[in-house]
Amino acid sequence: MADADLDGIIRQLAKQQNKTLTGAVKARRDHYLGLAAKAKDAGGKARAKELAKAAMEQGLAAAKRLQVAADNAADSYARAMRKAAETAAAAVAAETKPVAKKAGGGTTAAKAARPKPGNKPAKRKAGKAKA
């Protein structure tokens, strides 16, 4: 799991939590439906059924909010890691460019035009001409 990306882990954990939450919501709904079945009057039965319906709606809405928040967190993490990788690659590229210029020392044409420090041109005496 050490090599896995955290955005995948975030999504996986959210999926597990969503299943757990949905199971709890269904259990709560079943509890209210059980109370409706045991109710002795029509008002109590209707009230318990409404509670079951409301518990299911509210629970599923909470599960959806949890899933959306986890997706947003996973997307944000993945986006931040892509940006960090691009920034790191740009920094490495910026560091390697100046090193390449220093190591090369310039072009060969510039080296040829530059006089060498130890080699001075020979001086000629005035009056003597080479034949």
N, C-alpha and C. Protein backbone atom coordinates (compact mmCIF):
# COMPACT_ATOMS: atom_id res chain seq x y z
N MET A 1 0.81 -1.19 0.00
CA MET A 1 0.00 0.00 0.00
C MET A 1 0.86 1.26 0.00
N ALA A 2 2.14 1.10 0.23
CA ALA A 2 3.04 2.25 0.30
C ALA A 2 3.20 2.90 -1.07
N ASP A 3 3.12 2.09 -2.14
CA ASP A 3 3.31 2.64 -3.47
C ASP A 3 2.01 3.19 -4.07
N ALA A 4 0.87 2.91 -3.46
CA ALA A 4 -0.41 3.36 -4.00
C ALA A 4 -0.57 4.86 -3.85
N ASP A 5 -1.24 5.46 -4.82
CA ASP A 5 -1.51 6.89 -4.73
C ASP A 5 -2.58 7.13 -3.69
N LEU A 6 -2.43 8.21 -2.98
CA LEU A 6 -3.38 8.51 -1.90
C LEU A 6 -4.77 8.85 -2.42
N ASP A 7 -4.87 9.39 -3.64
CA ASP A 7 -6.21 9.70 -4.14
C ASP A 7 -7.04 8.43 -4.31
N GLY A 8 -6.42 7.35 -4.74
CA GLY A 8 -7.13 6.07 -4.84
C GLY A 8 -7.54 5.55 -3.48
N ILE A 9 -6.66 5.72 -2.51
CA ILE A 9 -6.97 5.27 -1.14
C ILE A 9 -8.11 6.09 -0.56
N ILE A 10 -8.10 7.40 -0.81
CA ILE A 10 -9.18 8.27 -0.33
C ILE A 10 -10.51 7.80 -0.91
N ARG A 11 -10.52 7.53 -2.20
CA ARG A 11 -11.77 7.07 -2.84
C ARG A 11 -12.21 5.71 -2.28
N GLN A 12 -11.27 4.82 -2.07
CA GLN A 12 -11.59 3.49 -1.55
C GLN A 12 -12.18 3.58 -0.14
N LEU A 13 -11.56 4.39 0.72
CA LEU A 13 -12.07 4.54 2.08
C LEU A 13 -13.45 5.19 2.08
N ALA A 14 -13.66 6.15 1.21
CA ALA A 14 -14.97 6.80 1.12
C ALA A 14 -16.03 5.82 0.67
N LYS A 15 -15.66 4.93 -0.25
CA LYS A 15 -16.61 3.93 -0.72
C LYS A 15 -17.00 2.99 0.43
N GLN A 16 -16.01 2.59 1.23
CA GLN A 16 -16.30 1.73 2.39
C GLN A 16 -17.18 2.46 3.40
N GLN A 17 -16.87 3.71 3.68
CA GLN A 17 -17.68 4.48 4.62
C GLN A 17 -19.10 4.67 4.09
N ASN A 18 -19.21 4.87 2.79
CA ASN A 18 -20.52 5.06 2.18
C ASN A 18 -21.36 3.79 2.34
N LYS A 19 -20.74 2.63 2.13
CA LYS A 19 -21.47 1.37 2.31
C LYS A 19 -21.89 1.19 3.76
N THR A 20 -21.01 1.52 4.69
CA THR A 20 -21.33 1.39 6.12
C THR A 20 -22.47 2.32 6.50
N LEU A 21 -22.38 3.56 6.04
CA LEU A 21 -23.42 4.55 6.35
C LEU A 21 -24.75 4.14 5.73
N THR A 22 -24.73 3.65 4.51
CA THR A 22 -25.96 3.22 3.86
C THR A 22 -26.58 2.03 4.61
N GLY A 23 -25.75 1.13 5.09
CA GLY A 23 -26.25 0.00 5.88
C GLY A 23 -26.89 0.47 7.18
N ALA A 24 -26.28 1.45 7.83
CA ALA A 24 -26.84 2.00 9.07
C ALA A 24 -28.17 2.71 8.80
N VAL A 25 -28.25 3.40 7.68
CA VAL A 25 -29.49 4.11 7.32
C VAL A 25 -30.61 3.09 7.09
N LYS A 26 -30.28 2.02 6.40
CA LYS A 26 -31.31 0.99 6.14
C LYS A 26 -31.75 0.31 7.44
N ALA A 27 -30.81 0.14 8.35
CA ALA A 27 -31.16 -0.46 9.65
C ALA A 27 -32.09 0.47 10.42
N ARG A 28 -31.83 1.77 10.37
CA ARG A 28 -32.69 2.74 11.05
C ARG A 28 -34.07 2.76 10.42
N ARG A 29 -34.12 2.71 9.07
CA ARG A 29 -35.41 2.66 8.38
C ARG A 29 -36.19 1.42 8.78
N ASP A 30 -35.48 0.29 8.82
CA ASP A 30 -36.14 -0.97 9.21
C ASP A 30 -36.67 -0.89 10.64
N HIS A 31 -35.94 -0.20 11.51
CA HIS A 31 -36.40 -0.02 12.90
C HIS A 31 -37.74 0.73 12.92
N TYR A 32 -37.81 1.82 12.15
CA TYR A 32 -39.05 2.60 12.12
C TYR A 32 -40.18 1.82 11.46
N LEU A 33 -39.84 1.05 10.43
CA LEU A 33 -40.89 0.24 9.80
C LEU A 33 -41.38 -0.86 10.75
N GLY A 34 -40.49 -1.35 11.57
CA GLY A 34 -40.89 -2.33 12.60
C GLY A 34 -41.82 -1.69 13.62
N LEU A 35 -41.53 -0.44 13.99
CA LEU A 35 -42.42 0.28 14.90
C LEU A 35 -43.78 0.51 14.26
N ALA A 36 -43.76 0.78 12.93
CA ALA A 36 -45.03 0.99 12.22
C ALA A 36 -45.86 -0.29 12.23
N ALA A 37 -45.19 -1.41 12.09
CA ALA A 37 -45.91 -2.68 12.08
C ALA A 37 -46.52 -2.99 13.44
N LYS A 38 -45.85 -2.53 14.51
CA LYS A 38 -46.33 -2.80 15.86
C LYS A 38 -47.36 -1.78 16.34
N ALA A 39 -47.49 -0.67 15.59
CA ALA A 39 -48.40 0.40 16.03
C ALA A 39 -49.84 -0.12 16.06
N LYS A 40 -50.58 0.36 17.09
CA LYS A 40 -51.94 -0.11 17.27
C LYS A 40 -52.97 0.79 16.58
N ASP A 41 -52.61 2.06 16.36
CA ASP A 41 -53.55 2.96 15.69
C ASP A 41 -52.97 3.43 14.36
N ALA A 42 -53.82 3.97 13.51
CA ALA A 42 -53.42 4.41 12.17
C ALA A 42 -52.48 5.60 12.24
N GLY A 43 -52.69 6.50 13.20
CA GLY A 43 -51.82 7.68 13.35
C GLY A 43 -50.39 7.29 13.69
N GLY A 44 -50.23 6.34 14.61
CA GLY A 44 -48.90 5.88 15.00
C GLY A 44 -48.19 5.16 13.85
N LYS A 45 -48.98 4.41 13.10
CA LYS A 45 -48.42 3.70 11.94
C LYS A 45 -47.95 4.69 10.88
N ALA A 46 -48.75 5.70 10.59
CA ALA A 46 -48.38 6.70 9.58
C ALA A 46 -47.16 7.50 10.04
N ARG A 47 -47.15 7.83 11.33
CA ARG A 47 -46.02 8.60 11.88
C ARG A 47 -44.73 7.81 11.77
N ALA A 48 -44.75 6.52 12.09
CA ALA A 48 -43.55 5.68 12.01
C ALA A 48 -43.09 5.50 10.56
N LYS A 49 -44.04 5.39 9.65
CA LYS A 49 -43.68 5.26 8.23
C LYS A 49 -43.04 6.56 7.72
N GLU A 50 -43.56 7.69 8.15
CA GLU A 50 -42.96 8.98 7.76
C GLU A 50 -41.55 9.12 8.32
N LEU A 51 -41.36 8.66 9.57
CA LEU A 51 -40.01 8.70 10.16
C LEU A 51 -39.05 7.80 9.38
N ALA A 52 -39.55 6.65 8.95
CA ALA A 52 -38.72 5.74 8.16
C ALA A 52 -38.33 6.37 6.83
N LYS A 53 -39.29 7.03 6.20
CA LYS A 53 -39.03 7.69 4.91
C LYS A 53 -38.04 8.84 5.08
N ALA A 54 -38.24 9.65 6.13
CA ALA A 54 -37.34 10.78 6.38
C ALA A 54 -35.93 10.29 6.74
N ALA A 55 -35.84 9.23 7.53
CA ALA A 55 -34.53 8.69 7.91
C ALA A 55 -33.77 8.22 6.67
N MET A 56 -34.48 7.58 5.76
CA MET A 56 -33.84 7.09 4.53
C MET A 56 -33.38 8.26 3.67
N GLU A 57 -34.21 9.25 3.50
CA GLU A 57 -33.84 10.41 2.66
C GLU A 57 -32.64 11.15 3.24
N GLN A 58 -32.71 11.43 4.54
CA GLN A 58 -31.64 12.19 5.19
C GLN A 58 -30.33 11.39 5.22
N GLY A 59 -30.44 10.11 5.47
CA GLY A 59 -29.24 9.26 5.51
C GLY A 59 -28.56 9.15 4.16
N LEU A 60 -29.37 8.95 3.11
CA LEU A 60 -28.79 8.87 1.77
C LEU A 60 -28.19 10.20 1.33
N ALA A 61 -28.81 11.31 1.74
CA ALA A 61 -28.25 12.63 1.43
C ALA A 61 -26.90 12.81 2.13
N ALA A 62 -26.82 12.36 3.38
CA ALA A 62 -25.55 12.46 4.12
C ALA A 62 -24.48 11.59 3.45
N ALA A 63 -24.87 10.39 3.01
CA ALA A 63 -23.92 9.51 2.34
C ALA A 63 -23.43 10.13 1.03
N LYS A 64 -24.33 10.77 0.31
CA LYS A 64 -23.94 11.43 -0.95
C LYS A 64 -22.98 12.59 -0.68
N ARG A 65 -23.26 13.38 0.37
CA ARG A 65 -22.36 14.48 0.72
C ARG A 65 -20.98 13.96 1.09
N LEU A 66 -20.95 12.86 1.82
CA LEU A 66 -19.68 12.24 2.20
C LEU A 66 -18.90 11.80 0.96
N GLN A 67 -19.60 11.19 0.01
CA GLN A 67 -18.95 10.73 -1.22
C GLN A 67 -18.42 11.90 -2.04
N VAL A 68 -19.21 12.95 -2.17
CA VAL A 68 -18.79 14.13 -2.94
C VAL A 68 -17.58 14.79 -2.29
N ALA A 69 -17.59 14.90 -0.97
CA ALA A 69 -16.46 15.49 -0.26
C ALA A 69 -15.20 14.66 -0.46
N ALA A 70 -15.33 13.35 -0.42
CA ALA A 70 -14.17 12.48 -0.61
C ALA A 70 -13.65 12.58 -2.05
N ASP A 71 -14.55 12.64 -3.01
CA ASP A 71 -14.13 12.80 -4.41
C ASP A 71 -13.40 14.12 -4.61
N ASN A 72 -13.93 15.18 -4.00
CA ASN A 72 -13.27 16.48 -4.10
C ASN A 72 -11.88 16.46 -3.47
N ALA A 73 -11.76 15.81 -2.32
CA ALA A 73 -10.46 15.72 -1.65
C ALA A 73 -9.49 14.90 -2.49
N ALA A 74 -9.95 13.80 -3.06
CA ALA A 74 -9.08 12.97 -3.89
C ALA A 74 -8.63 13.71 -5.15
N ASP A 75 -9.57 14.42 -5.79
CA ASP A 75 -9.22 15.20 -6.98
C ASP A 75 -8.24 16.31 -6.64
N SER A 76 -8.47 16.97 -5.53
CA SER A 76 -7.57 18.04 -5.09
C SER A 76 -6.17 17.51 -4.82
N TYR A 77 -6.08 16.36 -4.17
CA TYR A 77 -4.78 15.76 -3.88
C TYR A 77 -4.07 15.40 -5.18
N ALA A 78 -4.79 14.76 -6.10
CA ALA A 78 -4.18 14.35 -7.37
C ALA A 78 -3.70 15.57 -8.16
N ARG A 79 -4.50 16.63 -8.18
CA ARG A 79 -4.13 17.86 -8.88
C ARG A 79 -2.90 18.49 -8.25
N ALA A 80 -2.85 18.52 -6.93
CA ALA A 80 -1.69 19.10 -6.23
C ALA A 80 -0.43 18.30 -6.49
N MET A 81 -0.55 16.98 -6.54
CA MET A 81 0.63 16.15 -6.80
C MET A 81 1.12 16.32 -8.24
N ARG A 82 0.19 16.46 -9.20
CA ARG A 82 0.61 16.72 -10.58
C ARG A 82 1.34 18.05 -10.68
N LYS A 83 0.81 19.07 -10.01
CA LYS A 83 1.44 20.39 -10.03
C LYS A 83 2.82 20.34 -9.36
N ALA A 84 2.93 19.61 -8.26
CA ALA A 84 4.23 19.49 -7.58
C ALA A 84 5.24 18.76 -8.47
N ALA A 85 4.79 17.75 -9.19
CA ALA A 85 5.69 17.02 -10.09
C ALA A 85 6.16 17.92 -11.23
N GLU A 86 5.24 18.73 -11.77
CA GLU A 86 5.62 19.66 -12.84
C GLU A 86 6.59 20.71 -12.33
N THR A 87 6.35 21.21 -11.13
CA THR A 87 7.24 22.22 -10.54
C THR A 87 8.63 21.64 -10.29
N ALA A 88 8.67 20.41 -9.80
CA ALA A 88 9.96 19.77 -9.54
C ALA A 88 10.70 19.53 -10.85
N ALA A 89 9.99 19.11 -11.89
CA ALA A 89 10.62 18.87 -13.18
C ALA A 89 11.16 20.18 -13.77
N ALA A 90 10.39 21.27 -13.60
CA ALA A 90 10.85 22.57 -14.09
C ALA A 90 12.08 23.05 -13.32
N ALA A 91 12.12 22.80 -12.03
CA ALA A 91 13.27 23.21 -11.22
C ALA A 91 14.51 22.42 -11.62
N VAL A 92 14.35 21.14 -11.88
CA VAL A 92 15.49 20.33 -12.31
C VAL A 92 15.97 20.79 -13.68
N ALA A 93 15.04 21.10 -14.56
CA ALA A 93 15.41 21.57 -15.90
C ALA A 93 16.13 22.92 -15.81
N ALA A 94 15.67 23.78 -14.92
CA ALA A 94 16.31 25.09 -14.77
C ALA A 94 17.71 24.96 -14.19
N GLU A 95 17.94 23.98 -13.32
CA GLU A 95 19.26 23.78 -12.73
C GLU A 95 20.23 23.17 -13.73
N THR A 96 19.76 22.33 -14.62
CA THR A 96 20.66 21.67 -15.56
C THR A 96 21.06 22.57 -16.72
N LYS A 97 20.27 23.56 -17.09
CA LYS A 97 20.63 24.45 -18.20
C LYS A 97 21.88 25.27 -17.90
N PRO A 98 22.01 25.97 -16.78
CA PRO A 98 23.24 26.73 -16.53
C PRO A 98 24.46 25.84 -16.41
N VAL A 99 24.34 24.66 -15.90
CA VAL A 99 25.47 23.75 -15.77
C VAL A 99 25.97 23.35 -17.15
N ALA A 100 25.08 23.14 -18.09
CA ALA A 100 25.48 22.76 -19.44
C ALA A 100 26.25 23.89 -20.11
N LYS A 101 25.87 25.14 -19.92
CA LYS A 101 26.57 26.27 -20.51
C LYS A 101 27.97 26.39 -19.93
N LYS A 102 28.11 26.24 -18.64
CA LYS A 102 29.42 26.37 -17.99
C LYS A 102 30.35 25.25 -18.43
N ALA A 103 29.85 24.07 -18.58
CA ALA A 103 30.69 22.94 -18.95
C ALA A 103 31.17 23.07 -20.39
N GLY A 104 30.32 23.58 -21.29
CA GLY A 104 30.69 23.72 -22.68
C GLY A 104 31.66 24.87 -22.89
N GLY A 105 31.51 25.95 -22.19
CA GLY A 105 32.40 27.09 -22.30
C GLY A 105 32.16 27.93 -23.53
N GLY A 106 31.14 27.74 -24.27
CA GLY A 106 30.85 28.56 -25.44
C GLY A 106 31.02 27.75 -26.72
N THR A 107 30.83 28.43 -27.86
CA THR A 107 30.91 27.73 -29.14
C THR A 107 32.35 27.65 -29.62
N THR A 108 32.61 26.82 -30.58
CA THR A 108 33.97 26.67 -31.10
C THR A 108 34.38 27.90 -31.91
N ALA A 109 33.46 28.58 -32.56
CA ALA A 109 33.79 29.80 -33.30
C ALA A 109 34.27 30.88 -32.35
N ALA A 110 33.65 30.98 -31.19
CA ALA A 110 34.06 31.99 -30.22
C ALA A 110 35.45 31.65 -29.67
N LYS A 111 35.76 30.39 -29.52
CA LYS A 111 37.08 29.98 -29.04
C LYS A 111 38.16 30.31 -30.07
N ALA A 112 37.86 30.11 -31.34
CA ALA A 112 38.84 30.36 -32.39
C ALA A 112 39.13 31.84 -32.53
N ALA A 113 38.16 32.70 -32.35
CA ALA A 113 38.35 34.15 -32.50
C ALA A 113 39.07 34.74 -31.30
N ARG A 114 39.03 34.09 -30.19
CA ARG A 114 39.65 34.58 -28.97
C ARG A 114 41.16 34.31 -29.01
N PRO A 115 42.00 35.31 -28.72
CA PRO A 115 43.45 35.04 -28.69
C PRO A 115 43.81 34.24 -27.45
N LYS A 116 44.77 33.37 -27.60
CA LYS A 116 45.21 32.55 -26.48
C LYS A 116 46.21 33.34 -25.66
N PRO A 117 46.19 33.24 -24.35
CA PRO A 117 47.04 34.06 -23.50
C PRO A 117 48.54 33.81 -23.67
N GLY A 118 49.00 32.63 -23.94
CA GLY A 118 50.43 32.34 -24.00
C GLY A 118 51.05 32.57 -25.37
N ASN A 119 50.30 32.66 -26.41
CA ASN A 119 50.83 32.79 -27.78
C ASN A 119 50.67 34.22 -28.25
N LYS A 120 51.80 34.98 -28.28
CA LYS A 120 51.77 36.35 -28.81
C LYS A 120 52.31 36.31 -30.23
N PRO A 121 51.81 37.17 -31.07
CA PRO A 121 52.33 37.18 -32.45
C PRO A 121 53.80 37.66 -32.45
N ALA A 122 54.58 37.13 -33.33
CA ALA A 122 56.00 37.50 -33.42
C ALA A 122 56.13 38.92 -33.96
N LYS A 123 57.10 39.69 -33.37
CA LYS A 123 57.30 41.07 -33.82
C LYS A 123 58.29 41.06 -34.97
N ARG A 124 58.07 41.91 -35.94
CA ARG A 124 58.98 42.01 -37.07
C ARG A 124 59.76 43.31 -36.95
N LYS A 125 60.95 43.24 -37.36
CA LYS A 125 61.77 44.45 -37.34
C LYS A 125 61.47 45.24 -38.58
N ALA A 126 61.49 46.56 -38.43
CA ALA A 126 61.25 47.42 -39.57
C ALA A 126 62.48 47.44 -40.46
N GLY A 127 62.48 47.35 -41.61
CA GLY A 127 63.63 47.41 -42.49
C GLY A 127 63.92 46.07 -43.14
N LYS A 128 63.75 45.05 -42.47
CA LYS A 128 64.00 43.75 -43.09
C LYS A 128 62.70 43.21 -43.64
N ALA A 129 62.75 42.78 -44.81
CA ALA A 129 61.57 42.21 -45.44
C ALA A 129 61.85 40.77 -45.78
N LYS A 130 60.97 39.98 -45.67
CA LYS A 130 61.13 38.58 -46.01
C LYS A 130 61.06 38.43 -47.52
N ALA A 131 61.90 37.61 -47.99
CA ALA A 131 61.90 37.42 -49.44
C ALA A 131 61.29 36.14 -49.84
